[in-house]
Amino acid sequence: MRALISRFALFEGTWRRYHNLGDEEKYFDACIKYSEKLMQAYPDLHDNWGEMLTSNLAGMKGIILYKEYVPSEVNNYAMHLVERTSTHNIEMPQHIVDMYLCSDGNPIGTSEKYEWGKTDKTMYSTFRNRDRRLLETVAPPYEVVNHANKSWEYVDGKREYMDILGVTTYTGYGGGNGEAGKHKVFPMMNWSGNILPAVPHFFTNQGGVGFCVAKSGNYVWRLYNVWDCSLENKAEADMPIFKIDEVLLNYAEAKYEKGEFNNEVADITINKLRRQFAKIADMDVNAINNGFDPNRDPDVNPVLWEIRRERMVELMGEGFGFYDVRRWKKAEWFINKVAYGQWATKEQIGEGGTFINLETGLATTDKEQKEGYIYMYNDPTKVGKGWLDKYYLYQIPTNEIALNPNLLPNNPGW
């Protein structure tokens, strides 16, 4: 119940503040009060961030409440539908990849650690010296040579991220934490154990290997594991409902909204999360000014922007995003963006791929272009689409109105 109050009170308080409804302070107070109780009750974090979405969660540090999946009884259908298959269609546009901080705690626009464009424009330099949570969310680059009987060998100069995350050849079923439960296995493979020779692996240039593809090149493998059988009646990877990581972020944001966020609060919330797994420098509140991130939304206070960034990175792939951008009343800023992929060459994406013209927001018409950012979708604002304010609230279903006409009028715009 305390975790539910922490989540709900932050949502309600910020919705009221940014939608100009008023009476928000009591919700921030409640969020802070019950978050503090949980922070005392759950002082420790689990040491493997990626494992919390792909493992047996019984007894895991920081897990407050989780849904247990049991083979043939209650099954986790997400695992067999969205991971390690040719039907996986979850990927990350480049502007979200660019949101992750560098190891010095600075954004890519101001960090000396950011290497893309210095010597090359490959995925290797994009991911170098970045928040470790990026590597656990988007499959980092690698290349191996396949051999018969599903064996492989390294390619010189292409094993950097295999060494960072570690390589395990565990491919059996049965679960368990520890080494066999880390799940982010290199090289990647499908459910039959066939090896994916390289990442990025583009949808438009599959080379006869149809699984684990991404049009953008940024394949999201947040749920990837090799221990769960993941057949329709057997998938059993547990999923967290409440964990202390979220509570820390709720607390940090509520303290900001109360005008009480400082380095002391950052140390027991955001910096605690960073030190545990992200392996990036601490947040220094005093160093965050208007020039800290030239790519942020200029209408948002720079410190609040960094608090929100940390929330997005830590909870990526857990279903919070659409609710967060609506309670902040920032859906237009986030959604009315052109989604494009990583920088690539024509040789990489093949004849079926094309590049984006960032000035027009549409696919390039230059047939001779040799490299650029990959085209995914048109800029919604350039083709008469995009965010409408009525989307902040769902419409009241017609069948509910038929049962109770007093529900009319419908929500604004519907």
Protein backbone atom coordinates (compact mmCIF):
# COMPACT_ATOMS: atom_id res chain seq x y z
CA MET A 1 0.00 0.00 0.00
CA ARG A 2 2.84 2.42 0.77
CA ALA A 3 4.34 1.85 -2.68
CA LEU A 4 0.94 2.45 -4.28
CA ILE A 5 0.56 5.71 -2.36
CA SER A 6 4.06 6.77 -3.39
CA ARG A 7 3.22 6.19 -7.05
CA PHE A 8 -0.33 7.56 -7.01
CA ALA A 9 0.43 10.65 -4.93
CA LEU A 10 3.23 11.73 -7.26
CA PHE A 11 1.02 11.19 -10.29
CA GLU A 12 -1.91 13.10 -8.82
CA GLY A 13 0.21 15.92 -7.45
CA THR A 14 2.07 16.58 -10.69
CA TRP A 15 -1.09 16.18 -12.78
CA ARG A 16 -2.78 18.81 -10.65
CA ARG A 17 0.20 21.16 -10.80
CA TYR A 18 0.91 21.01 -14.53
CA HIS A 19 -2.76 20.86 -15.58
CA ASN A 20 -3.54 23.84 -13.32
CA LEU A 21 -6.05 22.03 -11.09
CA GLY A 22 -4.47 23.13 -7.81
CA ASP A 23 -4.46 21.46 -4.37
CA GLU A 24 -1.33 19.45 -5.19
CA GLU A 25 0.79 19.99 -2.08
CA LYS A 26 -0.89 17.34 0.06
CA TYR A 27 -0.14 14.74 -2.59
CA PHE A 28 3.54 15.63 -2.66
CA ASP A 29 3.60 15.42 1.13
CA ALA A 30 2.02 11.96 1.03
CA CYS A 31 4.47 10.77 -1.61
CA ILE A 32 7.41 11.94 0.49
CA LYS A 33 6.03 10.48 3.73
CA TYR A 34 5.37 6.98 2.45
CA SER A 35 8.43 6.89 0.21
CA GLU A 36 10.60 7.60 3.25
CA LYS A 37 9.03 4.67 5.11
CA LEU A 38 9.81 2.37 2.20
CA MET A 39 13.34 3.69 1.86
CA GLN A 40 13.93 2.73 5.48
CA ALA A 41 12.35 -0.70 5.02
CA TYR A 42 14.22 -1.45 1.77
CA PRO A 43 17.70 0.07 2.18
CA ASP A 44 19.44 -2.15 -0.39
CA LEU A 45 19.33 -2.32 -4.18
CA HIS A 46 19.81 -5.39 -6.31
CA ASP A 47 23.24 -5.35 -7.94
CA ASN A 48 22.11 -6.37 -11.45
CA TRP A 49 19.66 -3.89 -12.94
CA GLY A 50 18.81 -5.95 -16.02
CA GLU A 51 18.10 -9.05 -13.97
CA MET A 52 15.06 -7.48 -12.30
CA LEU A 53 12.93 -7.91 -15.43
CA THR A 54 14.17 -11.30 -16.52
CA SER A 55 14.52 -13.47 -13.48
CA ASN A 56 13.08 -15.27 -10.50
CA LEU A 57 12.31 -12.35 -8.18
CA ALA A 58 11.74 -14.30 -4.96
CA GLY A 59 13.94 -12.77 -2.27
CA MET A 60 15.58 -10.26 -4.61
CA LYS A 61 16.73 -7.05 -2.92
CA GLY A 62 14.58 -4.01 -3.59
CA ILE A 63 11.56 -5.93 -4.90
CA ILE A 64 8.48 -4.85 -2.94
CA LEU A 65 5.78 -6.70 -4.87
CA TYR A 66 6.02 -8.81 -8.00
CA LYS A 67 3.90 -11.04 -10.20
CA GLU A 68 5.06 -14.62 -10.15
CA TYR A 69 4.59 -16.64 -13.32
CA VAL A 70 4.14 -20.41 -13.05
CA PRO A 71 4.44 -22.72 -16.09
CA SER A 72 1.11 -24.06 -17.38
CA GLU A 73 -0.79 -21.97 -14.81
CA VAL A 74 -0.01 -18.26 -15.09
CA ASN A 75 2.28 -17.56 -18.02
CA ASN A 76 4.38 -14.57 -19.06
CA TYR A 77 3.34 -14.20 -22.69
CA ALA A 78 5.55 -11.17 -23.27
CA MET A 79 8.70 -13.27 -23.26
CA HIS A 80 7.85 -15.47 -26.21
CA LEU A 81 6.15 -12.67 -28.16
CA VAL A 82 8.74 -9.90 -28.06
CA GLU A 83 12.18 -11.40 -27.53
CA ARG A 84 14.59 -13.39 -29.70
CA THR A 85 12.15 -13.80 -32.59
CA SER A 86 11.50 -12.45 -36.08
CA THR A 87 8.27 -10.82 -34.84
CA HIS A 88 9.98 -8.55 -32.32
CA ASN A 89 9.15 -4.95 -33.25
CA ILE A 90 10.33 -2.98 -30.22
CA GLU A 91 13.22 -0.63 -30.93
CA MET A 92 14.53 2.72 -29.75
CA PRO A 93 14.75 5.88 -31.89
CA GLN A 94 18.10 7.59 -31.82
CA HIS A 95 16.96 10.67 -29.92
CA ILE A 96 16.13 8.44 -26.94
CA VAL A 97 19.50 6.68 -27.16
CA ASP A 98 21.05 10.14 -27.13
CA MET A 99 19.25 10.92 -23.86
CA TYR A 100 21.47 8.55 -21.85
CA LEU A 101 24.31 10.30 -20.02
CA CYS A 102 28.02 9.67 -20.42
CA SER A 103 30.25 8.19 -17.72
CA ASP A 104 31.19 11.66 -16.46
CA GLY A 105 27.52 12.36 -15.70
CA ASN A 106 27.13 14.84 -18.56
CA PRO A 107 24.83 14.71 -21.61
CA ILE A 108 26.33 13.88 -24.99
CA GLY A 109 26.09 17.53 -26.06
CA THR A 110 28.55 18.69 -23.38
CA SER A 111 30.51 15.58 -22.35
CA GLU A 112 34.18 15.14 -23.21
CA LYS A 113 33.62 11.39 -22.88
CA TYR A 114 31.22 11.17 -25.81
CA GLU A 115 33.15 9.70 -28.73
CA TRP A 116 30.70 9.54 -31.63
CA GLY A 117 31.98 11.67 -34.49
CA LYS A 118 35.51 12.05 -33.12
CA THR A 119 37.08 9.18 -35.05
CA ASP A 120 34.05 7.45 -36.55
CA LYS A 121 30.25 7.45 -36.56
CA THR A 122 29.63 3.84 -35.63
CA MET A 123 27.42 2.27 -32.99
CA TYR A 124 30.60 1.36 -31.11
CA SER A 125 31.50 5.00 -30.50
CA THR A 126 27.87 5.88 -29.70
CA PHE A 127 27.76 3.38 -26.83
CA ARG A 128 31.27 3.97 -25.51
CA ASN A 129 31.54 5.62 -22.06
CA ARG A 130 27.78 5.65 -21.56
CA ASP A 131 25.36 4.79 -18.76
CA ARG A 132 25.46 1.00 -18.30
CA ARG A 133 21.66 0.91 -18.34
CA LEU A 134 21.79 1.76 -22.04
CA LEU A 135 23.75 -1.43 -22.71
CA GLU A 136 21.14 -3.44 -20.80
CA THR A 137 18.26 -1.81 -22.69
CA VAL A 138 19.52 -1.65 -26.29
CA ALA A 139 21.69 -4.49 -27.57
CA PRO A 140 25.21 -3.04 -27.97
CA PRO A 141 27.32 -3.75 -31.05
CA TYR A 142 29.43 -6.84 -31.55
CA GLU A 143 30.50 -9.23 -34.29
CA VAL A 144 31.41 -12.92 -34.25
CA VAL A 145 32.12 -15.63 -36.80
CA ASN A 146 29.63 -18.48 -36.87
CA HIS A 147 30.71 -22.09 -37.20
CA ALA A 148 28.92 -25.39 -37.50
CA ASN A 149 27.12 -26.91 -34.49
CA LYS A 150 26.19 -23.42 -33.27
CA SER A 151 29.69 -22.48 -32.15
CA TRP A 152 31.42 -19.16 -32.80
CA GLU A 153 34.63 -17.18 -32.38
CA TYR A 154 35.50 -13.55 -31.72
CA VAL A 155 36.27 -10.98 -34.40
CA ASP A 156 39.24 -8.78 -33.55
CA GLY A 157 38.18 -5.28 -32.57
CA LYS A 158 34.50 -6.22 -32.28
CA ARG A 159 34.30 -7.69 -28.77
CA GLU A 160 34.44 -4.48 -26.69
CA TYR A 161 30.92 -4.72 -25.29
CA MET A 162 31.02 -8.48 -24.97
CA ASP A 163 33.88 -7.95 -22.54
CA ILE A 164 32.08 -5.16 -20.67
CA LEU A 165 28.87 -7.10 -20.06
CA GLY A 166 30.49 -10.50 -19.84
CA VAL A 167 29.89 -13.59 -21.94
CA THR A 168 28.09 -16.69 -20.77
CA THR A 169 27.35 -19.74 -22.84
CA TYR A 170 24.48 -20.80 -20.58
CA THR A 171 21.58 -21.71 -22.86
CA GLY A 172 19.58 -24.19 -20.81
CA TYR A 173 16.20 -23.72 -19.22
CA GLY A 174 15.32 -23.82 -15.57
CA GLY A 175 16.07 -20.35 -14.28
CA GLY A 176 18.00 -19.29 -11.26
CA ASN A 177 19.84 -16.15 -10.27
CA GLY A 178 23.58 -15.64 -10.27
CA GLU A 179 25.69 -16.20 -13.36
CA ALA A 180 23.06 -18.30 -15.13
CA GLY A 181 20.46 -15.64 -14.45
CA LYS A 182 22.23 -12.60 -15.85
CA HIS A 183 20.56 -13.30 -19.17
CA LYS A 184 22.28 -10.74 -21.36
CA VAL A 185 24.16 -13.35 -23.34
CA PHE A 186 26.63 -12.74 -26.16
CA PRO A 187 26.41 -13.54 -28.93
CA MET A 188 22.65 -13.17 -29.18
CA MET A 189 20.64 -16.15 -30.35
CA ASN A 190 17.09 -17.18 -31.17
CA TRP A 191 15.07 -19.82 -29.33
CA SER A 192 16.67 -22.58 -31.39
CA GLY A 193 20.15 -21.51 -30.33
CA ASN A 194 21.08 -20.09 -33.74
CA ILE A 195 23.71 -17.38 -33.40
CA LEU A 196 23.16 -13.77 -34.44
CA PRO A 197 26.52 -12.89 -36.03
CA ALA A 198 26.42 -9.13 -35.46
CA VAL A 199 24.67 -6.10 -34.01
CA PRO A 200 23.44 -3.78 -35.40
CA HIS A 201 21.26 -6.14 -37.42
CA PHE A 202 19.05 -4.11 -39.74
CA PHE A 203 15.54 -5.06 -40.77
CA THR A 204 16.24 -3.82 -44.28
CA ASN A 205 19.42 -5.88 -44.65
CA GLN A 206 18.96 -9.15 -42.78
CA GLY A 207 21.46 -11.26 -44.68
CA GLY A 208 19.28 -14.34 -44.38
CA VAL A 209 19.02 -14.07 -40.57
CA GLY A 210 15.47 -13.00 -39.78
CA PHE A 211 15.51 -12.77 -35.98
CA CYS A 212 16.53 -9.91 -33.68
CA VAL A 213 16.23 -7.24 -36.37
CA ALA A 214 15.60 -3.51 -35.97
CA LYS A 215 14.89 -0.93 -38.64
CA SER A 216 16.64 1.71 -36.53
CA GLY A 217 19.53 -0.59 -35.62
CA ASN A 218 18.65 -0.09 -31.94
CA TYR A 219 17.23 -3.45 -30.88
CA VAL A 220 15.56 -3.27 -27.46
CA TRP A 221 16.47 -6.36 -25.44
CA ARG A 222 15.20 -5.27 -22.04
CA LEU A 223 13.40 -8.62 -21.55
CA TYR A 224 15.99 -10.79 -23.26
CA ASN A 225 17.00 -13.94 -21.42
CA VAL A 226 18.10 -17.46 -22.26
CA TRP A 227 16.99 -19.45 -19.25
CA ASP A 228 13.20 -19.13 -19.62
CA CYS A 229 11.76 -21.66 -22.05
CA SER A 230 9.14 -19.04 -23.03
CA LEU A 231 6.80 -21.36 -24.88
CA GLU A 232 3.17 -20.23 -24.67
CA ASN A 233 2.47 -22.46 -21.68
CA LYS A 234 5.85 -22.35 -19.98
CA ALA A 235 7.23 -18.78 -19.79
CA GLU A 236 7.93 -17.99 -16.14
CA ALA A 237 10.12 -14.87 -15.86
CA ASP A 238 8.66 -12.84 -12.98
CA MET A 239 7.80 -9.16 -13.37
CA PRO A 240 8.05 -6.47 -10.66
CA ILE A 241 4.95 -4.47 -9.75
CA PHE A 242 6.65 -2.24 -7.17
CA LYS A 243 10.38 -1.91 -6.50
CA ILE A 244 12.41 0.47 -4.40
CA ASP A 245 14.10 1.95 -7.48
CA GLU A 246 10.83 3.60 -8.52
CA VAL A 247 10.17 4.78 -4.96
CA LEU A 248 13.55 6.56 -4.85
CA LEU A 249 12.66 8.40 -8.05
CA ASN A 250 9.18 9.25 -6.78
CA TYR A 251 10.77 10.72 -3.67
CA ALA A 252 13.33 12.75 -5.62
CA GLU A 253 10.70 14.24 -7.90
CA ALA A 254 8.28 15.03 -5.07
CA LYS A 255 11.07 16.73 -3.11
CA TYR A 256 11.82 18.89 -6.14
CA GLU A 257 8.16 19.85 -6.48
CA LYS A 258 8.24 20.91 -2.82
CA GLY A 259 11.35 23.03 -3.41
CA GLU A 260 13.44 20.69 -1.24
CA PHE A 261 15.66 18.89 -3.75
CA ASN A 262 19.39 19.30 -3.14
CA ASN A 263 22.60 17.25 -3.21
CA GLU A 264 21.64 15.50 0.01
CA VAL A 265 18.41 14.25 -1.56
CA ALA A 266 20.22 13.38 -4.79
CA ASP A 267 22.71 11.24 -2.85
CA ILE A 268 20.05 9.02 -1.27
CA THR A 269 18.02 8.68 -4.47
CA ILE A 270 19.48 9.30 -7.92
CA ASN A 271 23.12 8.88 -6.97
CA LYS A 272 22.32 5.70 -5.07
CA LEU A 273 20.88 4.26 -8.28
CA ARG A 274 23.82 5.45 -10.37
CA ARG A 275 26.42 3.96 -8.06
CA GLN A 276 24.72 0.58 -7.93
CA PHE A 277 24.74 -0.21 -11.63
CA ALA A 278 24.82 2.74 -14.04
CA LYS A 279 28.50 3.46 -13.26
CA ILE A 280 28.28 7.13 -14.13
CA ALA A 281 29.31 10.15 -12.08
CA ASP A 282 27.06 11.45 -9.34
CA MET A 283 24.53 14.16 -9.98
CA ASP A 284 25.85 17.48 -8.66
CA VAL A 285 22.83 19.73 -8.33
CA ASN A 286 24.99 22.86 -8.12
CA ALA A 287 26.57 22.10 -11.51
CA ILE A 288 23.26 21.84 -13.37
CA ASN A 289 22.42 25.12 -15.07
CA ASN A 290 20.77 26.26 -18.29
CA GLY A 291 23.82 25.22 -20.31
CA PHE A 292 24.10 21.74 -18.82
CA ASP A 293 22.13 20.13 -21.64
CA PRO A 294 21.60 22.28 -24.74
CA ASN A 295 19.14 19.71 -26.10
CA ARG A 296 16.67 19.75 -23.20
CA ASP A 297 13.21 21.26 -23.30
CA PRO A 298 13.98 24.92 -22.47
CA ASP A 299 10.62 25.31 -20.72
CA VAL A 300 11.63 22.83 -18.00
CA ASN A 301 13.95 23.77 -15.15
CA PRO A 302 17.34 22.10 -15.83
CA VAL A 303 17.43 20.30 -12.47
CA LEU A 304 13.90 18.98 -12.93
CA TRP A 305 14.87 17.88 -16.44
CA GLU A 306 17.70 15.78 -15.01
CA ILE A 307 15.41 14.23 -12.39
CA ARG A 308 12.98 13.29 -15.14
CA ARG A 309 15.81 11.97 -17.33
CA GLU A 310 16.91 9.66 -14.52
CA ARG A 311 13.37 8.36 -14.16
CA MET A 312 13.07 7.66 -17.87
CA VAL A 313 16.38 5.80 -17.98
CA GLU A 314 15.85 3.77 -14.81
CA LEU A 315 12.28 2.73 -15.64
CA MET A 316 12.68 2.37 -19.40
CA GLY A 317 10.50 -0.40 -20.79
CA GLU A 318 8.36 -0.76 -17.68
CA GLY A 319 5.26 1.08 -18.91
CA PHE A 320 5.62 4.44 -17.16
CA GLY A 321 6.43 6.68 -20.12
CA PHE A 322 2.99 7.56 -21.48
CA TYR A 323 1.68 8.27 -17.98
CA ASP A 324 4.70 10.41 -17.09
CA VAL A 325 4.65 12.66 -20.15
CA ARG A 326 0.91 13.24 -19.65
CA ARG A 327 1.15 14.14 -15.97
CA TRP A 328 4.00 16.53 -16.80
CA LYS A 329 1.83 17.93 -19.61
CA LYS A 330 4.78 17.40 -21.94
CA ALA A 331 3.33 14.81 -24.32
CA GLU A 332 3.55 17.23 -27.24
CA TRP A 333 7.27 17.78 -26.68
CA PHE A 334 8.05 14.07 -26.51
CA ILE A 335 5.63 12.70 -29.09
CA ASN A 336 5.78 15.34 -31.82
CA LYS A 337 9.33 14.36 -32.73
CA VAL A 338 10.60 12.67 -35.83
CA ALA A 339 11.70 9.14 -34.92
CA TYR A 340 14.84 8.15 -36.79
CA GLY A 341 17.46 5.46 -36.35
CA GLN A 342 21.20 5.43 -35.78
CA TRP A 343 23.79 6.78 -38.21
CA ALA A 344 24.60 4.12 -40.80
CA THR A 345 25.98 3.63 -44.27
CA LYS A 346 24.02 2.54 -47.31
CA GLU A 347 26.02 -0.67 -47.32
CA GLN A 348 24.80 -1.42 -43.80
CA ILE A 349 21.08 -0.81 -44.37
CA GLY A 350 20.95 -2.24 -47.88
CA GLU A 351 18.84 -1.22 -50.85
CA GLY A 352 15.65 -1.53 -48.80
CA GLY A 353 16.76 1.14 -46.34
CA THR A 354 16.74 4.90 -46.68
CA PHE A 355 17.83 7.96 -44.74
CA ILE A 356 15.94 10.77 -43.04
CA ASN A 357 16.13 14.40 -44.09
CA LEU A 358 16.05 16.12 -40.72
CA GLU A 359 15.16 19.46 -42.30
CA THR A 360 11.98 18.16 -43.94
CA GLY A 361 11.25 15.39 -41.45
CA LEU A 362 10.69 13.02 -44.37
CA ALA A 363 12.69 10.33 -46.13
CA THR A 364 15.51 11.73 -48.23
CA THR A 365 15.02 11.93 -51.96
CA ASP A 366 18.76 11.76 -52.62
CA LYS A 367 19.27 8.35 -54.24
CA GLU A 368 23.05 8.76 -54.09
CA GLN A 369 23.33 9.44 -50.35
CA LYS A 370 25.96 7.14 -48.86
CA GLU A 371 25.34 7.59 -45.12
CA GLY A 372 23.09 9.33 -42.64
CA TYR A 373 20.48 8.76 -39.95
CA ILE A 374 18.08 5.96 -40.81
CA TYR A 375 14.55 6.85 -41.84
CA MET A 376 11.89 5.23 -39.64
CA TYR A 377 8.78 7.41 -39.80
CA ASN A 378 7.74 10.82 -41.06
CA ASP A 379 7.78 13.76 -38.68
CA PRO A 380 4.12 13.63 -37.51
CA THR A 381 3.78 17.41 -37.54
CA LYS A 382 4.87 17.57 -41.19
CA VAL A 383 2.14 15.19 -42.38
CA GLY A 384 -0.83 16.64 -40.52
CA LYS A 385 -0.66 14.37 -37.50
CA GLY A 386 0.80 14.49 -34.02
CA TRP A 387 -0.33 15.07 -30.47
CA LEU A 388 -3.80 16.42 -29.70
CA ASP A 389 -4.56 17.75 -26.23
CA LYS A 390 -7.68 15.60 -25.97
CA TYR A 391 -5.33 12.61 -25.67
CA TYR A 392 -4.38 13.67 -22.15
CA LEU A 393 -7.63 12.04 -21.00
CA TYR A 394 -9.15 8.87 -22.39
CA GLN A 395 -12.65 9.01 -23.78
CA ILE A 396 -15.48 7.53 -21.75
CA PRO A 397 -16.46 4.28 -23.51
CA THR A 398 -19.75 4.38 -25.42
CA ASN A 399 -21.01 1.24 -23.71
CA GLU A 400 -20.47 2.87 -20.30
CA ILE A 401 -22.41 5.95 -21.38
CA ALA A 402 -25.23 3.68 -22.59
CA LEU A 403 -25.41 2.18 -19.11
CA ASN A 404 -25.16 5.54 -17.36
CA PRO A 405 -26.05 8.67 -19.39
CA ASN A 406 -25.02 10.81 -16.41
CA LEU A 407 -21.42 10.24 -17.51
CA LEU A 408 -22.00 12.78 -20.27
CA PRO A 409 -20.56 15.08 -21.38
CA ASN A 410 -17.53 13.07 -22.46
CA ASN A 411 -14.00 14.23 -21.71
CA PRO A 412 -12.90 17.36 -23.63
CA GLY A 413 -12.46 16.78 -27.34
CA TRP A 414 -14.18 13.39 -27.47
